[in-house]
């Protein structure tokens, strides 16, 4: 069985993330979407909340499970016996950082390969940070995130779907 891990902070999960997750699910027998801790970021949602949002957003993908982890990705891959890490790329600037991380993960765990998937063109500009900024400023985020989590994001900013 080919097991892939799709890591990220997913704060919140976007349609771009879902594009990568769904395509990975079509390529591998099983995909674990793992919510990682990034100490350089100050998340809007707790790790548990992000796991729950991802579970709802990926409910229609039967070979996808969602997990959380606070350590090194290479170690998580070893613990799960995963052979592939799937990373989504939006732009060349993403590649430089992700390439460095892929080489580091390979050094720490030689049995894991990193596969890069470019997001669909319609999501190349999209990031969780942009979604949060638009939501905070009162904009419409419905085209950016799965419908099942719009309300959760708006509530974090004291908004409801009508405002």
N, C-alpha and C. Protein backbone atom coordinates (compact mmCIF):
# COMPACT_ATOMS: atom_id res chain seq x y z
N UNK A 1 0.84 -1.18 0.00
CA UNK A 1 0.00 0.00 0.00
C UNK A 1 0.89 1.25 0.00
N UNK A 2 0.61 2.14 -0.90
CA UNK A 2 1.33 3.41 -0.96
C UNK A 2 0.63 4.44 -0.08
N UNK A 3 1.33 4.80 1.00
CA UNK A 3 0.81 5.76 1.96
C UNK A 3 1.54 7.08 1.79
N UNK A 4 0.76 8.14 1.61
CA UNK A 4 1.31 9.48 1.45
C UNK A 4 0.84 10.37 2.60
N UNK A 5 1.68 11.32 2.94
CA UNK A 5 1.35 12.32 3.95
C UNK A 5 1.27 13.67 3.26
N UNK A 6 0.23 14.41 3.59
CA UNK A 6 0.07 15.76 3.06
C UNK A 6 0.06 16.71 4.26
N UNK A 7 1.21 17.29 4.59
CA UNK A 7 1.32 18.12 5.79
C UNK A 7 1.02 19.59 5.52
N UNK A 8 0.67 20.29 6.58
CA UNK A 8 0.48 21.72 6.47
C UNK A 8 -0.07 22.28 7.76
N UNK A 9 -0.19 23.60 7.82
CA UNK A 9 -0.80 24.21 9.00
C UNK A 9 -2.32 24.33 8.82
N UNK A 10 -2.77 24.49 7.58
CA UNK A 10 -4.20 24.48 7.26
C UNK A 10 -5.00 25.39 8.17
N UNK A 11 -4.61 26.65 8.22
CA UNK A 11 -5.25 27.61 9.14
C UNK A 11 -5.86 28.78 8.41
N UNK A 12 -7.00 28.60 7.76
CA UNK A 12 -7.81 27.40 7.60
C UNK A 12 -7.50 26.69 6.29
N UNK A 13 -8.11 25.51 6.11
CA UNK A 13 -7.99 24.78 4.86
C UNK A 13 -8.67 25.60 3.77
N UNK A 14 -8.04 25.67 2.60
CA UNK A 14 -8.58 26.43 1.47
C UNK A 14 -8.95 25.48 0.33
N UNK A 15 -9.59 26.02 -0.68
CA UNK A 15 -9.90 25.23 -1.87
C UNK A 15 -8.62 24.77 -2.57
N UNK A 16 -7.57 25.56 -2.46
CA UNK A 16 -6.28 25.15 -3.02
C UNK A 16 -5.72 23.94 -2.30
N UNK A 17 -5.80 23.94 -0.98
CA UNK A 17 -5.38 22.76 -0.21
C UNK A 17 -6.19 21.54 -0.65
N UNK A 18 -7.50 21.71 -0.74
CA UNK A 18 -8.37 20.58 -1.10
C UNK A 18 -8.06 20.06 -2.49
N UNK A 19 -7.68 20.93 -3.40
CA UNK A 19 -7.28 20.52 -4.73
C UNK A 19 -6.09 19.57 -4.67
N UNK A 20 -5.10 19.92 -3.88
CA UNK A 20 -3.90 19.08 -3.73
C UNK A 20 -4.26 17.77 -3.02
N UNK A 21 -5.05 17.84 -1.96
CA UNK A 21 -5.43 16.65 -1.20
C UNK A 21 -6.21 15.67 -2.08
N UNK A 22 -7.17 16.16 -2.83
CA UNK A 22 -7.99 15.29 -3.69
C UNK A 22 -7.14 14.64 -4.78
N UNK A 23 -6.23 15.39 -5.34
CA UNK A 23 -5.36 14.83 -6.38
C UNK A 23 -4.41 13.79 -5.79
N UNK A 24 -3.91 14.04 -4.59
CA UNK A 24 -3.06 13.05 -3.92
C UNK A 24 -3.86 11.78 -3.62
N UNK A 25 -5.10 11.95 -3.20
CA UNK A 25 -5.96 10.80 -2.89
C UNK A 25 -6.21 9.94 -4.12
N UNK A 26 -6.20 10.56 -5.29
CA UNK A 26 -6.37 9.81 -6.53
C UNK A 26 -5.09 9.07 -6.93
N UNK A 27 -3.96 9.51 -6.42
CA UNK A 27 -2.67 8.92 -6.79
C UNK A 27 -2.19 7.82 -5.84
N UNK A 28 -2.61 7.90 -4.57
CA UNK A 28 -2.08 6.99 -3.55
C UNK A 28 -3.21 6.21 -2.90
N UNK A 29 -2.85 5.05 -2.34
CA UNK A 29 -3.84 4.20 -1.69
C UNK A 29 -4.47 4.88 -0.47
N UNK A 30 -3.64 5.58 0.28
CA UNK A 30 -4.11 6.27 1.47
C UNK A 30 -3.33 7.56 1.63
N UNK A 31 -4.02 8.60 2.07
CA UNK A 31 -3.38 9.89 2.33
C UNK A 31 -3.75 10.31 3.75
N UNK A 32 -2.72 10.64 4.52
CA UNK A 32 -2.94 11.23 5.83
C UNK A 32 -2.65 12.73 5.71
N UNK A 33 -3.67 13.53 5.94
CA UNK A 33 -3.49 14.97 5.98
C UNK A 33 -3.15 15.30 7.42
N UNK A 34 -1.95 15.81 7.63
CA UNK A 34 -1.49 16.03 9.00
C UNK A 34 -1.33 17.52 9.28
N UNK A 35 -2.03 17.95 10.32
CA UNK A 35 -1.94 19.34 10.77
C UNK A 35 -0.69 19.45 11.63
N UNK A 36 0.26 20.22 11.13
CA UNK A 36 1.55 20.38 11.81
C UNK A 36 1.55 21.67 12.62
N UNK A 37 2.42 21.70 13.60
CA UNK A 37 2.63 22.91 14.39
C UNK A 37 3.75 23.70 13.74
N UNK A 38 3.51 24.97 13.47
CA UNK A 38 4.54 25.86 12.95
C UNK A 38 4.73 26.97 13.97
N UNK A 39 5.83 26.92 14.70
CA UNK A 39 6.06 27.88 15.77
C UNK A 39 6.25 29.31 15.26
N UNK A 40 6.44 29.48 13.95
CA UNK A 40 6.59 30.82 13.38
C UNK A 40 5.25 31.46 13.06
N UNK A 41 4.17 30.70 13.19
CA UNK A 41 2.84 31.21 12.87
C UNK A 41 2.00 31.29 14.13
N UNK A 42 1.07 32.22 14.12
CA UNK A 42 0.12 32.38 15.21
C UNK A 42 -1.26 32.03 14.65
N UNK A 43 -1.69 30.79 14.84
CA UNK A 43 -2.90 30.33 14.16
C UNK A 43 -4.18 30.97 14.69
N UNK A 44 -5.13 31.10 13.79
CA UNK A 44 -6.48 31.56 14.13
C UNK A 44 -7.24 30.44 14.83
N UNK A 45 -7.07 29.21 14.32
CA UNK A 45 -7.75 28.05 14.86
C UNK A 45 -6.76 27.19 15.65
N UNK A 46 -7.25 26.54 16.70
CA UNK A 46 -6.41 25.61 17.44
C UNK A 46 -6.11 24.41 16.55
N UNK A 47 -5.14 23.62 16.95
CA UNK A 47 -4.81 22.42 16.18
C UNK A 47 -6.02 21.48 16.11
N UNK A 48 -6.72 21.30 17.21
CA UNK A 48 -7.91 20.44 17.22
C UNK A 48 -9.00 20.98 16.30
N UNK A 49 -9.19 22.28 16.29
CA UNK A 49 -10.19 22.89 15.40
C UNK A 49 -9.82 22.67 13.94
N UNK A 50 -8.54 22.82 13.62
CA UNK A 50 -8.10 22.62 12.24
C UNK A 50 -8.29 21.18 11.80
N UNK A 51 -8.05 20.24 12.71
CA UNK A 51 -8.29 18.82 12.40
C UNK A 51 -9.78 18.62 12.09
N UNK A 52 -10.64 19.18 12.91
CA UNK A 52 -12.09 19.03 12.70
C UNK A 52 -12.53 19.67 11.38
N UNK A 53 -12.03 20.84 11.07
CA UNK A 53 -12.38 21.50 9.80
C UNK A 53 -11.94 20.65 8.62
N UNK A 54 -10.74 20.10 8.71
CA UNK A 54 -10.23 19.23 7.63
C UNK A 54 -11.05 17.95 7.50
N UNK A 55 -11.45 17.38 8.61
CA UNK A 55 -12.28 16.16 8.56
C UNK A 55 -13.58 16.43 7.82
N UNK A 56 -14.19 17.56 8.11
CA UNK A 56 -15.43 17.91 7.40
C UNK A 56 -15.16 18.17 5.91
N UNK A 57 -14.08 18.87 5.62
CA UNK A 57 -13.78 19.25 4.24
C UNK A 57 -13.37 18.05 3.38
N UNK A 58 -12.84 17.00 4.00
CA UNK A 58 -12.39 15.82 3.24
C UNK A 58 -13.30 14.62 3.43
N UNK A 59 -14.47 14.82 3.99
CA UNK A 59 -15.38 13.71 4.31
C UNK A 59 -15.75 12.88 3.08
N UNK A 60 -15.71 13.48 1.90
CA UNK A 60 -16.08 12.74 0.68
C UNK A 60 -14.90 12.00 0.05
N UNK A 61 -13.75 12.01 0.71
CA UNK A 61 -12.57 11.31 0.20
C UNK A 61 -12.29 10.11 1.11
N UNK A 62 -12.75 8.92 0.73
CA UNK A 62 -12.71 7.77 1.64
C UNK A 62 -11.32 7.28 2.02
N UNK A 63 -10.32 7.58 1.21
CA UNK A 63 -8.97 7.11 1.53
C UNK A 63 -8.11 8.19 2.19
N UNK A 64 -8.77 9.23 2.71
CA UNK A 64 -8.07 10.33 3.39
C UNK A 64 -8.44 10.30 4.87
N UNK A 65 -7.41 10.36 5.71
CA UNK A 65 -7.65 10.55 7.14
C UNK A 65 -6.91 11.80 7.58
N UNK A 66 -7.33 12.36 8.69
CA UNK A 66 -6.74 13.60 9.20
C UNK A 66 -6.14 13.32 10.57
N UNK A 67 -4.95 13.88 10.80
CA UNK A 67 -4.24 13.68 12.05
C UNK A 67 -3.55 14.99 12.42
N UNK A 68 -2.95 15.03 13.59
CA UNK A 68 -2.18 16.19 14.03
C UNK A 68 -0.86 15.68 14.59
N UNK A 69 0.17 16.53 14.46
CA UNK A 69 1.49 16.14 14.96
C UNK A 69 2.28 17.39 15.30
N UNK A 70 3.03 17.31 16.39
CA UNK A 70 3.79 18.47 16.83
C UNK A 70 5.29 18.37 16.65
N UNK A 71 5.76 17.25 16.11
CA UNK A 71 7.20 17.05 15.95
C UNK A 71 7.66 17.24 14.52
N UNK A 72 8.77 16.56 14.19
CA UNK A 72 9.34 16.67 12.85
C UNK A 72 8.58 15.78 11.87
N UNK A 73 8.35 16.30 10.69
CA UNK A 73 7.63 15.58 9.65
C UNK A 73 8.33 14.27 9.28
N UNK A 74 9.64 14.29 9.18
CA UNK A 74 10.39 13.07 8.82
C UNK A 74 10.14 11.97 9.84
N UNK A 75 10.05 12.33 11.10
CA UNK A 75 9.78 11.34 12.15
C UNK A 75 8.34 10.83 12.06
N UNK A 76 7.41 11.73 11.78
CA UNK A 76 6.02 11.31 11.62
C UNK A 76 5.90 10.31 10.47
N UNK A 77 6.56 10.59 9.36
CA UNK A 77 6.54 9.68 8.22
C UNK A 77 7.08 8.31 8.61
N UNK A 78 8.15 8.30 9.38
CA UNK A 78 8.73 7.03 9.85
C UNK A 78 7.73 6.27 10.73
N UNK A 79 7.09 6.98 11.66
CA UNK A 79 6.11 6.35 12.57
C UNK A 79 4.94 5.74 11.82
N UNK A 80 4.53 6.38 10.74
CA UNK A 80 3.36 5.92 9.97
C UNK A 80 3.75 4.97 8.83
N UNK A 81 5.05 4.75 8.63
CA UNK A 81 5.54 3.95 7.50
C UNK A 81 5.12 4.54 6.16
N UNK A 82 5.09 5.85 6.08
CA UNK A 82 4.75 6.53 4.84
C UNK A 82 5.99 6.60 3.95
N UNK A 83 5.78 6.49 2.66
CA UNK A 83 6.89 6.54 1.71
C UNK A 83 6.92 7.84 0.92
N UNK A 84 5.85 8.63 1.03
CA UNK A 84 5.73 9.85 0.22
C UNK A 84 5.20 11.00 1.07
N UNK A 85 5.78 12.17 0.86
CA UNK A 85 5.25 13.42 1.39
C UNK A 85 4.78 14.22 0.17
N UNK A 86 3.54 14.65 0.20
CA UNK A 86 2.98 15.44 -0.91
C UNK A 86 2.92 16.90 -0.48
N UNK A 87 3.52 17.76 -1.27
CA UNK A 87 3.50 19.19 -1.00
C UNK A 87 2.93 19.93 -2.21
N UNK A 88 2.07 20.87 -1.93
CA UNK A 88 1.50 21.70 -2.99
C UNK A 88 2.35 22.92 -3.22
N UNK A 89 2.45 23.31 -4.48
CA UNK A 89 3.21 24.51 -4.85
C UNK A 89 2.30 25.48 -5.59
N UNK A 90 2.41 26.76 -5.24
CA UNK A 90 1.66 27.80 -5.93
C UNK A 90 2.55 28.57 -6.90
N UNK A 91 3.76 28.84 -6.47
CA UNK A 91 4.64 29.71 -7.26
C UNK A 91 6.09 29.29 -7.05
N UNK A 92 6.97 29.86 -7.83
CA UNK A 92 8.38 29.53 -7.73
C UNK A 92 8.92 29.83 -6.33
N UNK A 93 8.40 30.86 -5.69
CA UNK A 93 8.86 31.20 -4.35
C UNK A 93 8.56 30.07 -3.37
N UNK A 94 7.45 29.36 -3.54
CA UNK A 94 7.14 28.19 -2.71
C UNK A 94 8.19 27.11 -2.91
N UNK A 95 8.62 26.94 -4.16
CA UNK A 95 9.52 25.84 -4.49
C UNK A 95 10.83 25.91 -3.72
N UNK A 96 11.42 27.08 -3.61
CA UNK A 96 12.71 27.21 -2.94
C UNK A 96 12.65 26.70 -1.51
N UNK A 97 11.66 27.13 -0.76
CA UNK A 97 11.51 26.70 0.62
C UNK A 97 11.18 25.21 0.69
N UNK A 98 10.23 24.76 -0.14
CA UNK A 98 9.81 23.36 -0.10
C UNK A 98 10.92 22.41 -0.56
N UNK A 99 11.73 22.85 -1.49
CA UNK A 99 12.87 22.04 -1.94
C UNK A 99 13.86 21.85 -0.79
N UNK A 100 14.15 22.91 -0.07
CA UNK A 100 15.03 22.84 1.09
C UNK A 100 14.46 21.88 2.14
N UNK A 101 13.17 21.96 2.39
CA UNK A 101 12.52 21.07 3.37
C UNK A 101 12.55 19.63 2.88
N UNK A 102 12.34 19.41 1.59
CA UNK A 102 12.37 18.05 1.04
C UNK A 102 13.74 17.42 1.22
N UNK A 103 14.78 18.17 0.96
CA UNK A 103 16.14 17.66 1.14
C UNK A 103 16.43 17.35 2.61
N UNK A 104 15.95 18.20 3.49
CA UNK A 104 16.14 17.98 4.92
C UNK A 104 15.39 16.72 5.37
N UNK A 105 14.14 16.59 4.94
CA UNK A 105 13.35 15.41 5.31
C UNK A 105 13.99 14.13 4.78
N UNK A 106 14.53 14.20 3.57
CA UNK A 106 15.18 13.03 2.97
C UNK A 106 16.44 12.65 3.76
N UNK A 107 17.15 13.65 4.24
CA UNK A 107 18.34 13.39 5.05
C UNK A 107 17.96 12.75 6.39
N UNK A 108 16.88 13.25 6.99
CA UNK A 108 16.43 12.73 8.28
C UNK A 108 15.73 11.38 8.17
N UNK A 109 15.12 11.12 7.01
CA UNK A 109 14.40 9.86 6.79
C UNK A 109 14.59 9.45 5.33
N UNK A 110 15.65 8.70 5.03
CA UNK A 110 15.96 8.34 3.63
C UNK A 110 14.90 7.49 2.94
N UNK A 111 13.94 6.95 3.68
CA UNK A 111 12.92 6.11 3.05
C UNK A 111 11.72 6.89 2.56
N UNK A 112 11.73 8.21 2.70
CA UNK A 112 10.60 9.02 2.27
C UNK A 112 11.00 9.94 1.12
N UNK A 113 10.13 10.01 0.12
CA UNK A 113 10.31 10.90 -1.03
C UNK A 113 9.30 12.03 -0.95
N UNK A 114 9.66 13.20 -1.43
CA UNK A 114 8.72 14.31 -1.51
C UNK A 114 8.28 14.47 -2.95
N UNK A 115 6.97 14.57 -3.13
CA UNK A 115 6.36 14.78 -4.44
C UNK A 115 5.70 16.15 -4.42
N UNK A 116 6.02 16.96 -5.42
CA UNK A 116 5.44 18.29 -5.52
C UNK A 116 4.30 18.27 -6.54
N UNK A 117 3.15 18.81 -6.12
CA UNK A 117 2.02 18.99 -7.04
C UNK A 117 1.76 20.48 -7.16
N UNK A 118 1.65 20.94 -8.39
CA UNK A 118 1.30 22.35 -8.58
C UNK A 118 -0.22 22.47 -8.49
N UNK A 119 -0.66 23.49 -7.80
CA UNK A 119 -2.08 23.70 -7.66
C UNK A 119 -2.70 24.10 -9.00
N UNK A 120 -3.98 23.89 -9.13
CA UNK A 120 -4.67 24.37 -10.34
C UNK A 120 -4.51 25.89 -10.43
N UNK A 121 -4.46 26.39 -11.65
CA UNK A 121 -4.22 27.81 -11.88
C UNK A 121 -5.20 28.70 -11.13
N UNK A 122 -6.44 28.26 -10.99
CA UNK A 122 -7.45 29.08 -10.33
C UNK A 122 -7.16 29.33 -8.85
N UNK A 123 -6.21 28.55 -8.27
CA UNK A 123 -5.88 28.70 -6.85
C UNK A 123 -4.46 29.20 -6.62
N UNK A 124 -3.75 29.59 -7.65
CA UNK A 124 -2.34 29.95 -7.51
C UNK A 124 -2.12 31.13 -6.56
N UNK A 125 -3.05 32.01 -6.45
CA UNK A 125 -2.92 33.20 -5.61
C UNK A 125 -3.39 32.95 -4.18
N UNK A 126 -4.06 31.83 -3.95
CA UNK A 126 -4.80 31.61 -2.71
C UNK A 126 -3.92 31.08 -1.58
N UNK A 127 -4.08 31.68 -0.41
CA UNK A 127 -3.37 31.23 0.79
C UNK A 127 -4.31 31.37 1.99
N UNK A 128 -4.00 30.65 3.04
CA UNK A 128 -4.78 30.78 4.28
C UNK A 128 -4.70 32.20 4.82
N UNK A 129 -3.54 32.82 4.70
CA UNK A 129 -3.37 34.20 5.17
C UNK A 129 -4.29 35.15 4.44
N UNK A 130 -4.41 34.96 3.12
CA UNK A 130 -5.30 35.81 2.34
C UNK A 130 -6.75 35.61 2.76
N UNK A 131 -7.16 34.36 2.98
CA UNK A 131 -8.52 34.07 3.42
C UNK A 131 -8.81 34.78 4.74
N UNK A 132 -7.88 34.70 5.68
CA UNK A 132 -8.08 35.34 6.98
C UNK A 132 -8.18 36.86 6.83
N UNK A 133 -7.35 37.43 5.98
CA UNK A 133 -7.39 38.88 5.80
C UNK A 133 -8.72 39.32 5.19
N UNK A 134 -9.17 38.61 4.17
CA UNK A 134 -10.45 38.95 3.53
C UNK A 134 -11.59 38.81 4.54
N UNK A 135 -11.59 37.72 5.31
CA UNK A 135 -12.64 37.51 6.30
C UNK A 135 -12.64 38.59 7.37
N UNK A 136 -11.46 38.94 7.84
CA UNK A 136 -11.35 39.96 8.88
C UNK A 136 -11.85 41.32 8.41
N UNK A 137 -11.62 41.61 7.14
CA UNK A 137 -12.02 42.91 6.59
C UNK A 137 -13.44 42.92 6.04
N UNK A 138 -14.17 41.82 6.25
CA UNK A 138 -15.58 41.80 5.87
C UNK A 138 -15.87 41.31 4.46
N UNK A 139 -14.87 40.77 3.77
CA UNK A 139 -15.07 40.30 2.41
C UNK A 139 -15.70 38.92 2.34
N UNK A 140 -16.08 38.55 1.14
CA UNK A 140 -16.73 37.27 0.87
C UNK A 140 -15.66 36.19 0.63
N UNK A 141 -15.64 35.17 1.46
CA UNK A 141 -14.63 34.12 1.35
C UNK A 141 -15.18 32.82 0.75
N UNK A 142 -16.44 32.82 0.33
CA UNK A 142 -17.09 31.58 -0.12
C UNK A 142 -16.40 30.92 -1.31
N UNK A 143 -15.72 31.66 -2.15
CA UNK A 143 -15.02 31.05 -3.29
C UNK A 143 -13.64 30.52 -2.91
N UNK A 144 -13.19 30.82 -1.71
CA UNK A 144 -11.84 30.47 -1.30
C UNK A 144 -11.73 29.23 -0.42
N UNK A 145 -12.81 28.89 0.28
CA UNK A 145 -12.77 27.79 1.24
C UNK A 145 -13.97 26.87 1.02
N UNK A 146 -13.87 25.63 1.50
CA UNK A 146 -15.02 24.72 1.39
C UNK A 146 -16.25 25.31 2.08
N UNK A 147 -17.41 25.13 1.49
CA UNK A 147 -18.65 25.69 2.03
C UNK A 147 -18.90 25.24 3.47
N UNK A 148 -18.48 24.03 3.80
CA UNK A 148 -18.75 23.48 5.13
C UNK A 148 -17.98 24.15 6.26
N UNK A 149 -17.04 25.05 5.94
CA UNK A 149 -16.27 25.71 7.00
C UNK A 149 -16.38 27.23 6.97
N UNK A 150 -17.14 27.79 6.03
CA UNK A 150 -17.27 29.25 5.93
C UNK A 150 -17.76 29.83 7.25
N UNK A 151 -18.81 29.24 7.81
CA UNK A 151 -19.39 29.74 9.06
C UNK A 151 -18.36 29.76 10.19
N UNK A 152 -17.53 28.71 10.28
CA UNK A 152 -16.51 28.63 11.34
C UNK A 152 -15.53 29.79 11.25
N UNK A 153 -15.12 30.11 10.03
CA UNK A 153 -14.16 31.20 9.84
C UNK A 153 -14.80 32.54 10.19
N UNK A 154 -15.98 32.77 9.68
CA UNK A 154 -16.66 34.04 9.95
C UNK A 154 -16.91 34.25 11.44
N UNK A 155 -17.26 33.17 12.14
CA UNK A 155 -17.50 33.27 13.58
C UNK A 155 -16.25 33.70 14.34
N UNK A 156 -15.07 33.31 13.85
CA UNK A 156 -13.83 33.73 14.51
C UNK A 156 -13.66 35.25 14.47
N UNK A 157 -14.31 35.88 13.49
CA UNK A 157 -14.22 37.32 13.34
C UNK A 157 -15.51 38.02 13.79
N UNK A 158 -16.37 37.27 14.51
CA UNK A 158 -17.60 37.85 15.03
C UNK A 158 -18.61 38.16 13.94
N UNK A 159 -18.53 37.43 12.84
CA UNK A 159 -19.46 37.65 11.71
C UNK A 159 -20.32 36.42 11.55
N UNK A 160 -21.45 36.62 10.87
CA UNK A 160 -22.25 35.47 10.45
C UNK A 160 -22.36 35.52 8.94
N UNK A 161 -22.96 34.52 8.33
CA UNK A 161 -22.98 34.44 6.87
C UNK A 161 -23.79 35.55 6.21
N UNK A 162 -24.64 36.22 6.95
CA UNK A 162 -25.45 37.28 6.37
C UNK A 162 -24.72 38.62 6.33
N UNK A 163 -23.67 38.77 7.17
CA UNK A 163 -23.00 40.08 7.22
C UNK A 163 -21.87 40.15 6.23
